[in-house]
Amino acid sequence: MKLAAVVLAAGSGTRYGGGKLLAPWRGGVLLDGALAAACAAPVDKVYVTWGADPAVLAATTAFAVRAPKGERLVLVHAPRYDEGLSASLAAGVAAAPAEIDGVFVFLGDMPRIPVGLTARMAQALAAGADAVATEFEGRRGHPVLFGRRLLPQLTTLKGDRGAGELLSGLGEALKLIPAPDDGVLYDVDRPGDLA
């Protein structure tokens, strides 16, 4: 099975006050956590979308040079990033090769994804799920793995809501993988969230 990952890093971080993905985090920057999780996934390439903050380019390049499997990273400009999360998602998915079997979607402001989840998610997709999401204490989290059948729909989403409605409509075709901790829910929206 051929899989890719998309890390959504094109937003402006307005609730944070700007520069969110470059905020200090555990000896690096916040974006490093999502990049590390995506690079550890069973994927050939990791497409990192950028748009509002060109400094994301430098941060991603620096990570690629020093991190294991950093050579998997591919920068993708999301020209319509100001239209919301869905435009960034569409740009990342469109960058993946047409023969791809599935795409993991990671959010750039979620640095604590537990190790090992992505392999279990890939197994669930191979077993026939249309999409696979993580969950913790009954709440759906990230990353999400979308199978080939759903990829065209990801490129037509609008606004800043992402693919939540699409996932909610899948019923039994969506497989949920329990996470060992709340890292699948932890995202940073404001400076106080980093504490």
Foldseek 3Di string as FASTA:
>chain_A
DAEEEEEEAADQLVLAPGPQQQPDDDNGGQLLLQVQQRLLAPHQAYEYEHHNDPVVVVSLVVCLVPDVSSVRYDYWYQDVCVQAPLSSQLRRLVPDDLPGFKYKYHYSQLRQADPPPNVVQVVVVVVQAQKEFEDEPRHTFDTIMGGNVCSVVSNPDGHHPHCVVVQVPRPPSYHYHYDPDCSRPQGDSYPVSSD
